């Protein structure tokens, strides 16, 4: 795909079809509204620059979610983010709930979602990719760059953690 107009049209189509899904995944991994915005924009810039690298052995959706995850990982590795995150932790002592926390509360529409959002990233992302994005175990393995066995293991442990959290919080088990 060498024609710039074709690339722009395809990018627009991808953004319309998958933009919200990319943003939701970025938010579920970062828990920050503005960072999810930035990551989503960065993902689609990368997609535009690398459309020629897409191989049809994976679905477009899996490819986009993999780029999203890798972009989040890159942001976590950056020195700037570590400094800002540390400042966030130190600066909010004694203040009312932050805007990010308000958004998380609104986004967490039920108690189970709130529990999922409390899980560590590795546990949270398998549940989100499976339940929210409805990816197969194979697709989740592709996005995360791990084996299907690892996905099954993470899924098992995540579900067990959720069950324990439900018990502790008085929800009981179904």
N, C-alpha and C. Protein backbone atom coordinates (compact mmCIF):
# COMPACT_ATOMS: atom_id res chain seq x y z
N UNK A 1 0.85 -1.17 0.00
CA UNK A 1 0.00 0.00 0.00
C UNK A 1 0.90 1.23 0.00
N UNK A 2 1.12 1.79 -1.19
CA UNK A 2 2.04 2.91 -1.33
C UNK A 2 1.33 4.25 -1.48
N UNK A 3 0.07 4.24 -1.89
CA UNK A 3 -0.67 5.48 -2.08
C UNK A 3 -1.04 6.08 -0.72
N UNK A 4 -0.56 7.32 -0.45
CA UNK A 4 -0.86 7.94 0.85
C UNK A 4 -2.35 8.10 1.12
N UNK A 5 -3.13 8.35 0.09
CA UNK A 5 -4.58 8.50 0.28
C UNK A 5 -5.23 7.18 0.70
N UNK A 6 -4.75 6.07 0.11
CA UNK A 6 -5.26 4.75 0.50
C UNK A 6 -4.90 4.45 1.96
N UNK A 7 -3.68 4.81 2.35
CA UNK A 7 -3.25 4.59 3.73
C UNK A 7 -4.10 5.40 4.70
N UNK A 8 -4.38 6.67 4.34
CA UNK A 8 -5.19 7.52 5.20
C UNK A 8 -6.61 6.98 5.33
N UNK A 9 -7.16 6.51 4.22
CA UNK A 9 -8.52 5.97 4.24
C UNK A 9 -8.58 4.70 5.10
N UNK A 10 -7.56 3.84 4.95
CA UNK A 10 -7.52 2.62 5.75
C UNK A 10 -7.34 2.94 7.23
N UNK A 11 -6.49 3.91 7.54
CA UNK A 11 -6.28 4.31 8.93
C UNK A 11 -7.57 4.85 9.53
N UNK A 12 -8.28 5.67 8.79
CA UNK A 12 -9.56 6.20 9.27
C UNK A 12 -10.54 5.07 9.55
N UNK A 13 -10.58 4.10 8.66
CA UNK A 13 -11.46 2.95 8.83
C UNK A 13 -11.08 2.16 10.09
N UNK A 14 -9.78 1.95 10.29
CA UNK A 14 -9.31 1.22 11.48
C UNK A 14 -9.62 1.99 12.76
N UNK A 15 -9.43 3.31 12.72
CA UNK A 15 -9.71 4.12 13.90
C UNK A 15 -11.20 4.09 14.24
N UNK A 16 -12.05 4.14 13.23
CA UNK A 16 -13.49 4.08 13.48
C UNK A 16 -13.91 2.71 14.01
N UNK A 17 -13.30 1.66 13.47
CA UNK A 17 -13.69 0.31 13.86
C UNK A 17 -13.10 -0.11 15.21
N UNK A 18 -11.86 0.30 15.49
CA UNK A 18 -11.15 -0.22 16.66
C UNK A 18 -10.66 0.84 17.65
N UNK A 19 -10.91 2.11 17.36
CA UNK A 19 -10.41 3.18 18.22
C UNK A 19 -10.85 3.07 19.67
N UNK A 20 -12.12 2.83 19.88
CA UNK A 20 -12.65 2.72 21.24
C UNK A 20 -12.07 1.50 21.96
N UNK A 21 -11.93 0.41 21.23
CA UNK A 21 -11.37 -0.81 21.81
C UNK A 21 -9.91 -0.62 22.20
N UNK A 22 -9.14 0.06 21.37
CA UNK A 22 -7.74 0.35 21.67
C UNK A 22 -7.67 1.24 22.91
N UNK A 23 -8.52 2.28 22.96
CA UNK A 23 -8.52 3.19 24.12
C UNK A 23 -8.90 2.43 25.39
N UNK A 24 -9.94 1.62 25.33
CA UNK A 24 -10.38 0.87 26.51
C UNK A 24 -9.28 -0.05 27.03
N UNK A 25 -8.57 -0.70 26.13
CA UNK A 25 -7.48 -1.59 26.55
C UNK A 25 -6.35 -0.77 27.16
N UNK A 26 -6.01 0.35 26.54
CA UNK A 26 -4.96 1.21 27.10
C UNK A 26 -5.37 1.71 28.49
N UNK A 27 -6.62 2.09 28.65
CA UNK A 27 -7.09 2.57 29.95
C UNK A 27 -7.07 1.46 30.99
N UNK A 28 -7.47 0.26 30.58
CA UNK A 28 -7.50 -0.85 31.55
C UNK A 28 -6.10 -1.20 32.03
N UNK A 29 -5.08 -0.94 31.22
CA UNK A 29 -3.71 -1.23 31.62
C UNK A 29 -3.07 -0.08 32.39
N UNK A 30 -3.45 1.16 32.07
CA UNK A 30 -2.81 2.33 32.70
C UNK A 30 -3.63 2.92 33.84
N UNK A 31 -4.94 2.78 33.76
CA UNK A 31 -5.88 3.38 34.71
C UNK A 31 -5.82 4.90 34.73
N UNK A 32 -5.37 5.48 33.64
CA UNK A 32 -5.29 6.94 33.53
C UNK A 32 -5.91 7.38 32.21
N UNK A 33 -6.90 8.26 32.32
CA UNK A 33 -7.68 8.73 31.17
C UNK A 33 -6.77 9.40 30.14
N UNK A 34 -5.96 10.37 30.57
CA UNK A 34 -5.13 11.12 29.62
C UNK A 34 -4.03 10.25 29.01
N UNK A 35 -3.49 9.33 29.78
CA UNK A 35 -2.47 8.44 29.24
C UNK A 35 -3.07 7.49 28.20
N UNK A 36 -4.29 7.04 28.45
CA UNK A 36 -4.98 6.19 27.46
C UNK A 36 -5.20 6.96 26.16
N UNK A 37 -5.53 8.26 26.27
CA UNK A 37 -5.67 9.10 25.07
C UNK A 37 -4.35 9.15 24.30
N UNK A 38 -3.26 9.44 25.03
CA UNK A 38 -1.95 9.55 24.39
C UNK A 38 -1.52 8.24 23.74
N UNK A 39 -1.73 7.15 24.46
CA UNK A 39 -1.32 5.85 23.94
C UNK A 39 -2.14 5.49 22.70
N UNK A 40 -3.43 5.76 22.73
CA UNK A 40 -4.27 5.46 21.56
C UNK A 40 -3.78 6.22 20.34
N UNK A 41 -3.46 7.50 20.52
CA UNK A 41 -2.94 8.28 19.40
C UNK A 41 -1.62 7.70 18.90
N UNK A 42 -0.77 7.35 19.83
CA UNK A 42 0.53 6.79 19.45
C UNK A 42 0.37 5.46 18.72
N UNK A 43 -0.59 4.64 19.15
CA UNK A 43 -0.84 3.36 18.49
C UNK A 43 -1.20 3.59 17.03
N UNK A 44 -2.10 4.52 16.77
CA UNK A 44 -2.53 4.72 15.39
C UNK A 44 -1.46 5.42 14.55
N UNK A 45 -0.58 6.18 15.16
CA UNK A 45 0.57 6.72 14.43
C UNK A 45 1.48 5.57 14.01
N UNK A 46 1.72 4.64 14.94
CA UNK A 46 2.55 3.47 14.63
C UNK A 46 1.90 2.63 13.54
N UNK A 47 0.60 2.47 13.62
CA UNK A 47 -0.12 1.69 12.61
C UNK A 47 0.05 2.34 11.24
N UNK A 48 -0.12 3.65 11.19
CA UNK A 48 0.02 4.37 9.92
C UNK A 48 1.41 4.16 9.32
N UNK A 49 2.42 4.25 10.19
CA UNK A 49 3.81 4.11 9.71
C UNK A 49 4.14 2.67 9.33
N UNK A 50 3.41 1.71 9.88
CA UNK A 50 3.77 0.30 9.69
C UNK A 50 2.70 -0.54 9.02
N UNK A 51 1.79 0.09 8.31
CA UNK A 51 0.75 -0.67 7.61
C UNK A 51 1.35 -1.71 6.67
N UNK A 52 2.48 -1.39 6.08
CA UNK A 52 3.13 -2.31 5.14
C UNK A 52 3.69 -3.55 5.85
N UNK A 53 3.88 -3.48 7.17
CA UNK A 53 4.42 -4.61 7.92
C UNK A 53 3.36 -5.61 8.39
N UNK A 54 2.09 -5.23 8.25
CA UNK A 54 1.03 -6.13 8.73
C UNK A 54 1.00 -7.40 7.89
N UNK A 55 1.06 -8.53 8.62
CA UNK A 55 0.94 -9.84 7.96
C UNK A 55 -0.43 -10.39 8.32
N UNK A 56 -1.10 -10.95 7.37
CA UNK A 56 -2.46 -11.41 7.61
C UNK A 56 -2.53 -12.72 8.38
N UNK A 57 -1.40 -13.18 8.96
CA UNK A 57 -1.47 -14.39 9.77
C UNK A 57 -2.12 -14.11 11.13
N UNK A 58 -2.23 -12.86 11.51
CA UNK A 58 -2.95 -12.46 12.73
C UNK A 58 -4.09 -11.54 12.31
N UNK A 59 -5.08 -11.41 13.16
CA UNK A 59 -6.18 -10.50 12.82
C UNK A 59 -5.73 -9.07 13.06
N UNK A 60 -6.37 -8.13 12.39
CA UNK A 60 -6.08 -6.71 12.58
C UNK A 60 -6.28 -6.36 14.06
N UNK A 61 -7.33 -6.86 14.64
CA UNK A 61 -7.66 -6.59 16.04
C UNK A 61 -6.54 -7.04 16.97
N UNK A 62 -6.05 -8.25 16.76
CA UNK A 62 -4.95 -8.78 17.57
C UNK A 62 -3.70 -7.93 17.39
N UNK A 63 -3.43 -7.54 16.15
CA UNK A 63 -2.27 -6.70 15.84
C UNK A 63 -2.38 -5.36 16.58
N UNK A 64 -3.55 -4.73 16.54
CA UNK A 64 -3.75 -3.44 17.20
C UNK A 64 -3.62 -3.56 18.72
N UNK A 65 -4.18 -4.61 19.30
CA UNK A 65 -4.09 -4.78 20.75
C UNK A 65 -2.66 -5.10 21.18
N UNK A 66 -1.91 -5.80 20.34
CA UNK A 66 -0.50 -6.06 20.63
C UNK A 66 0.29 -4.75 20.61
N UNK A 67 0.05 -3.93 19.61
CA UNK A 67 0.73 -2.63 19.54
C UNK A 67 0.35 -1.78 20.76
N UNK A 68 -0.90 -1.82 21.15
CA UNK A 68 -1.36 -1.07 22.32
C UNK A 68 -0.62 -1.52 23.57
N UNK A 69 -0.57 -2.81 23.78
CA UNK A 69 0.11 -3.35 24.97
C UNK A 69 1.59 -2.96 24.97
N UNK A 70 2.25 -3.10 23.83
CA UNK A 70 3.67 -2.76 23.74
C UNK A 70 3.90 -1.27 23.96
N UNK A 71 2.98 -0.44 23.51
CA UNK A 71 3.10 1.00 23.72
C UNK A 71 2.94 1.33 25.20
N UNK A 72 2.03 0.67 25.88
CA UNK A 72 1.87 0.86 27.33
C UNK A 72 3.15 0.45 28.05
N UNK A 73 3.71 -0.68 27.67
CA UNK A 73 4.96 -1.16 28.28
C UNK A 73 6.07 -0.13 28.06
N UNK A 74 6.17 0.41 26.84
CA UNK A 74 7.18 1.43 26.55
C UNK A 74 7.00 2.65 27.44
N UNK A 75 5.75 3.07 27.64
CA UNK A 75 5.48 4.23 28.51
C UNK A 75 5.89 3.94 29.95
N UNK A 76 5.63 2.73 30.42
CA UNK A 76 6.01 2.38 31.79
C UNK A 76 7.52 2.38 31.97
N UNK A 77 8.25 2.10 30.92
CA UNK A 77 9.71 2.05 30.99
C UNK A 77 10.34 3.44 30.94
N UNK A 78 9.60 4.42 30.47
CA UNK A 78 10.20 5.74 30.29
C UNK A 78 10.47 6.42 31.63
N UNK A 79 11.57 7.12 31.71
CA UNK A 79 11.95 7.82 32.94
C UNK A 79 10.95 8.91 33.27
N UNK A 80 10.41 9.59 32.26
CA UNK A 80 9.44 10.65 32.50
C UNK A 80 8.22 10.10 33.24
N UNK A 81 7.69 8.97 32.77
CA UNK A 81 6.51 8.41 33.40
C UNK A 81 6.81 8.01 34.84
N UNK A 82 7.96 7.41 35.08
CA UNK A 82 8.30 7.01 36.45
C UNK A 82 8.33 8.23 37.36
N UNK A 83 8.87 9.34 36.87
CA UNK A 83 8.94 10.57 37.66
C UNK A 83 7.54 11.13 37.92
N UNK A 84 6.71 11.20 36.89
CA UNK A 84 5.36 11.72 37.04
C UNK A 84 4.55 10.84 37.98
N UNK A 85 4.66 9.53 37.84
CA UNK A 85 3.92 8.61 38.69
C UNK A 85 4.34 8.77 40.14
N UNK A 86 5.64 8.91 40.40
CA UNK A 86 6.13 9.11 41.76
C UNK A 86 5.58 10.42 42.32
N UNK A 87 5.58 11.48 41.49
CA UNK A 87 5.04 12.77 41.91
C UNK A 87 3.56 12.64 42.23
N UNK A 88 2.82 11.89 41.43
CA UNK A 88 1.39 11.67 41.69
C UNK A 88 1.19 11.05 43.07
N UNK A 89 2.00 10.06 43.41
CA UNK A 89 1.87 9.37 44.70
C UNK A 89 2.16 10.30 45.86
N UNK A 90 3.19 11.13 45.70
CA UNK A 90 3.59 12.02 46.79
C UNK A 90 2.65 13.21 46.90
N UNK A 91 2.21 13.75 45.78
CA UNK A 91 1.46 14.99 45.76
C UNK A 91 0.02 14.91 46.20
N UNK A 92 -0.61 13.76 46.22
CA UNK A 92 -2.04 13.66 46.49
C UNK A 92 -2.38 13.34 47.95
N UNK A 93 -1.42 13.46 48.85
CA UNK A 93 -1.68 13.10 50.24
C UNK A 93 -2.70 14.06 50.83
N UNK A 94 -3.76 13.49 51.40
CA UNK A 94 -4.76 14.28 52.10
C UNK A 94 -5.77 14.99 51.21
N UNK A 95 -5.64 14.90 49.90
CA UNK A 95 -6.58 15.57 49.01
C UNK A 95 -7.74 14.65 48.68
N UNK A 96 -8.79 15.24 48.12
CA UNK A 96 -9.94 14.41 47.73
C UNK A 96 -9.57 13.53 46.56
N UNK A 97 -10.44 12.62 46.21
CA UNK A 97 -10.20 11.66 45.13
C UNK A 97 -9.82 12.38 43.84
N UNK A 98 -8.82 11.85 43.12
CA UNK A 98 -8.35 12.47 41.89
C UNK A 98 -9.34 12.26 40.74
N UNK A 99 -9.15 13.02 39.69
CA UNK A 99 -9.99 12.88 38.50
C UNK A 99 -9.85 11.46 37.94
N UNK A 100 -8.60 10.95 37.91
CA UNK A 100 -8.39 9.60 37.40
C UNK A 100 -9.17 8.58 38.22
N UNK A 101 -9.16 8.76 39.53
CA UNK A 101 -9.90 7.82 40.39
C UNK A 101 -11.40 7.94 40.17
N UNK A 102 -11.87 9.18 39.94
CA UNK A 102 -13.29 9.37 39.62
C UNK A 102 -13.67 8.63 38.34
N UNK A 103 -12.79 8.72 37.34
CA UNK A 103 -13.05 8.05 36.06
C UNK A 103 -13.07 6.54 36.26
N UNK A 104 -12.12 6.04 37.03
CA UNK A 104 -12.08 4.60 37.29
C UNK A 104 -13.38 4.16 37.96
N UNK A 105 -13.86 4.95 38.91
CA UNK A 105 -15.10 4.60 39.60
C UNK A 105 -16.29 4.57 38.63
N UNK A 106 -16.33 5.56 37.73
CA UNK A 106 -17.43 5.57 36.76
C UNK A 106 -17.28 4.42 35.77
N UNK A 107 -16.04 4.13 35.40
CA UNK A 107 -15.77 3.06 34.44
C UNK A 107 -16.08 1.70 35.05
N UNK A 108 -15.85 1.58 36.34
CA UNK A 108 -16.11 0.31 37.03
C UNK A 108 -17.59 0.26 37.38
N UNK A 109 -18.42 -0.17 36.45
CA UNK A 109 -19.86 -0.08 36.61
C UNK A 109 -20.44 -1.11 37.56
N UNK A 110 -19.70 -2.11 37.91
CA UNK A 110 -20.21 -3.07 38.88
C UNK A 110 -19.09 -3.55 39.80
N UNK A 111 -19.45 -4.22 40.84
CA UNK A 111 -18.48 -4.65 41.84
C UNK A 111 -17.44 -5.61 41.27
N UNK A 112 -17.83 -6.48 40.38
CA UNK A 112 -16.89 -7.42 39.80
C UNK A 112 -15.83 -6.69 38.99
N UNK A 113 -16.25 -5.69 38.20
CA UNK A 113 -15.30 -4.92 37.42
C UNK A 113 -14.32 -4.21 38.35
N UNK A 114 -14.81 -3.70 39.47
CA UNK A 114 -13.94 -3.04 40.44
C UNK A 114 -12.88 -4.02 40.95
N UNK A 115 -13.29 -5.25 41.18
CA UNK A 115 -12.33 -6.26 41.65
C UNK A 115 -11.30 -6.57 40.57
N UNK A 116 -11.74 -6.70 39.35
CA UNK A 116 -10.82 -6.97 38.24
C UNK A 116 -9.79 -5.85 38.13
N UNK A 117 -10.23 -4.61 38.28
CA UNK A 117 -9.32 -3.47 38.15
C UNK A 117 -8.29 -3.42 39.28
N UNK A 118 -8.53 -4.13 40.38
CA UNK A 118 -7.57 -4.18 41.50
C UNK A 118 -6.49 -5.24 41.29
N UNK A 119 -6.69 -6.12 40.33
CA UNK A 119 -5.72 -7.18 40.07
C UNK A 119 -4.42 -6.62 39.50
N UNK A 120 -3.32 -7.34 39.69
CA UNK A 120 -2.07 -6.93 39.02
C UNK A 120 -2.28 -6.99 37.49
N UNK A 121 -1.47 -6.23 36.77
CA UNK A 121 -1.64 -6.10 35.31
C UNK A 121 -1.71 -7.45 34.60
N UNK A 122 -0.81 -8.37 34.92
CA UNK A 122 -0.79 -9.65 34.21
C UNK A 122 -2.09 -10.42 34.40
N UNK A 123 -2.67 -10.34 35.57
CA UNK A 123 -3.94 -11.02 35.82
C UNK A 123 -5.09 -10.26 35.18
N UNK A 124 -5.05 -8.94 35.31
CA UNK A 124 -6.13 -8.10 34.80
C UNK A 124 -6.23 -8.18 33.28
N UNK A 125 -5.08 -8.14 32.59
CA UNK A 125 -5.13 -8.08 31.14
C UNK A 125 -5.69 -9.35 30.50
N UNK A 126 -5.43 -10.53 31.07
CA UNK A 126 -5.99 -11.74 30.47
C UNK A 126 -7.51 -11.74 30.60
N UNK A 127 -8.01 -11.30 31.76
CA UNK A 127 -9.47 -11.26 31.94
C UNK A 127 -10.11 -10.23 31.03
N UNK A 128 -9.48 -9.08 30.88
CA UNK A 128 -10.03 -8.03 30.02
C UNK A 128 -10.02 -8.46 28.55
N UNK A 129 -8.91 -9.05 28.11
CA UNK A 129 -8.85 -9.50 26.72
C UNK A 129 -9.87 -10.61 26.45
N UNK A 130 -10.10 -11.45 27.45
CA UNK A 130 -11.03 -12.56 27.27
C UNK A 130 -12.49 -12.09 27.40
N UNK A 131 -12.80 -11.40 28.49
CA UNK A 131 -14.20 -11.05 28.76
C UNK A 131 -14.66 -9.81 27.99
N UNK A 132 -13.85 -8.78 27.96
CA UNK A 132 -14.28 -7.54 27.32
C UNK A 132 -14.04 -7.55 25.81
N UNK A 133 -12.85 -7.96 25.42
CA UNK A 133 -12.51 -7.96 23.99
C UNK A 133 -12.87 -9.27 23.30
N UNK A 134 -13.24 -10.27 24.08
CA UNK A 134 -13.70 -11.58 23.59
C UNK A 134 -12.69 -12.23 22.64
N UNK A 135 -11.42 -12.17 23.02
CA UNK A 135 -10.40 -12.85 22.24
C UNK A 135 -10.31 -14.30 22.68
N UNK A 136 -9.91 -15.16 21.77
CA UNK A 136 -9.68 -16.55 22.10
C UNK A 136 -8.38 -16.66 22.89
N UNK A 137 -8.15 -17.82 23.50
CA UNK A 137 -6.91 -18.03 24.24
C UNK A 137 -5.70 -17.88 23.31
N UNK A 138 -5.84 -18.37 22.08
CA UNK A 138 -4.76 -18.25 21.10
C UNK A 138 -4.47 -16.79 20.78
N UNK A 139 -5.52 -16.00 20.58
CA UNK A 139 -5.35 -14.58 20.27
C UNK A 139 -4.74 -13.83 21.46
N UNK A 140 -5.17 -14.18 22.67
CA UNK A 140 -4.60 -13.55 23.87
C UNK A 140 -3.11 -13.86 23.94
N UNK A 141 -2.76 -15.11 23.67
CA UNK A 141 -1.35 -15.51 23.69
C UNK A 141 -0.55 -14.68 22.67
N UNK A 142 -1.12 -14.44 21.49
CA UNK A 142 -0.46 -13.62 20.47
C UNK A 142 -0.26 -12.19 20.96
N UNK A 143 -1.30 -11.60 21.54
CA UNK A 143 -1.22 -10.22 22.02
C UNK A 143 -0.15 -10.09 23.11
N UNK A 144 -0.13 -11.05 24.03
CA UNK A 144 0.78 -10.98 25.17
C UNK A 144 2.18 -11.52 24.86
N UNK A 145 2.31 -12.23 23.76
CA UNK A 145 3.62 -12.80 23.41
C UNK A 145 4.02 -13.95 24.32
N UNK A 146 3.03 -14.74 24.74
CA UNK A 146 3.27 -15.89 25.61
C UNK A 146 2.58 -17.11 25.01
N UNK A 147 2.76 -18.27 25.64
CA UNK A 147 2.11 -19.48 25.15
C UNK A 147 0.66 -19.53 25.64
N UNK A 148 -0.14 -20.37 24.99
CA UNK A 148 -1.52 -20.56 25.44
C UNK A 148 -1.56 -21.12 26.85
N UNK A 149 -0.60 -21.98 27.18
CA UNK A 149 -0.53 -22.53 28.54
C UNK A 149 -0.34 -21.44 29.59
N UNK A 150 0.48 -20.45 29.26
CA UNK A 150 0.70 -19.32 30.17
C UNK A 150 -0.60 -18.52 30.33
N UNK A 151 -1.31 -18.34 29.23
CA UNK A 151 -2.59 -17.62 29.28
C UNK A 151 -3.56 -18.38 30.18
N UNK A 152 -3.65 -19.70 30.00
CA UNK A 152 -4.55 -20.51 30.84
C UNK A 152 -4.18 -20.40 32.31
N UNK A 153 -2.89 -20.44 32.58
CA UNK A 153 -2.41 -20.34 33.96
C UNK A 153 -2.77 -18.97 34.56
N UNK A 154 -2.50 -17.91 33.82
CA UNK A 154 -2.83 -16.57 34.30
C UNK A 154 -4.34 -16.41 34.51
N UNK A 155 -5.11 -16.99 33.60
CA UNK A 155 -6.57 -16.92 33.71
C UNK A 155 -7.03 -17.64 34.98
N UNK A 156 -6.49 -18.82 35.21
CA UNK A 156 -6.85 -19.61 36.39
C UNK A 156 -6.53 -18.83 37.67
N UNK A 157 -5.31 -18.28 37.74
CA UNK A 157 -4.90 -17.54 38.94
C UNK A 157 -5.70 -16.25 39.11
N UNK A 158 -6.01 -15.58 38.01
CA UNK A 158 -6.81 -14.35 38.09
C UNK A 158 -8.20 -14.65 38.62
N UNK A 159 -8.81 -15.70 38.12
CA UNK A 159 -10.15 -16.07 38.59
C UNK A 159 -10.12 -16.47 40.07
N UNK A 160 -9.07 -17.15 40.47
CA UNK A 160 -8.94 -17.55 41.87
C UNK A 160 -8.78 -16.31 42.76
N UNK A 161 -8.00 -15.34 42.31
CA UNK A 161 -7.82 -14.10 43.07
C UNK A 161 -9.15 -13.35 43.20
N UNK A 162 -9.91 -13.32 42.11
CA UNK A 162 -11.22 -12.65 42.14
C UNK A 162 -12.13 -13.35 43.15
N UNK A 163 -12.14 -14.68 43.13
CA UNK A 163 -12.99 -15.43 44.07
C UNK A 163 -12.61 -15.12 45.52
N UNK A 164 -11.30 -15.06 45.80
CA UNK A 164 -10.85 -14.73 47.16
C UNK A 164 -11.23 -13.31 47.54
N UNK A 165 -11.11 -12.38 46.60
CA UNK A 165 -11.47 -10.99 46.87
C UNK A 165 -12.98 -10.88 47.14
N UNK A 166 -13.77 -11.63 46.40
CA UNK A 166 -15.21 -11.62 46.61
C UNK A 166 -15.55 -12.14 47.99
N UNK A 167 -14.89 -13.21 48.41
CA UNK A 167 -15.12 -13.76 49.75
C UNK A 167 -14.76 -12.74 50.83
N UNK A 168 -13.60 -12.10 50.69
CA UNK A 168 -13.14 -11.11 51.67
C UNK A 168 -14.09 -9.94 51.76
N UNK A 169 -14.68 -9.55 50.62
CA UNK A 169 -15.58 -8.39 50.58
C UNK A 169 -17.02 -8.75 50.86
N UNK A 170 -17.27 -10.01 51.20
CA UNK A 170 -18.62 -10.42 51.57
C UNK A 170 -19.57 -10.69 50.44
N UNK A 171 -19.03 -10.87 49.23
CA UNK A 171 -19.90 -11.16 48.09
C UNK A 171 -20.30 -12.63 48.05
N UNK A 172 -19.49 -13.48 48.70
CA UNK A 172 -19.76 -14.91 48.63
C UNK A 172 -19.34 -15.45 47.29
N UNK A 173 -19.61 -16.69 47.05
CA UNK A 173 -19.28 -17.29 45.75
C UNK A 173 -20.55 -17.79 45.10
N UNK A 174 -20.53 -17.69 43.77
CA UNK A 174 -21.70 -18.17 43.02
C UNK A 174 -21.57 -19.62 42.71
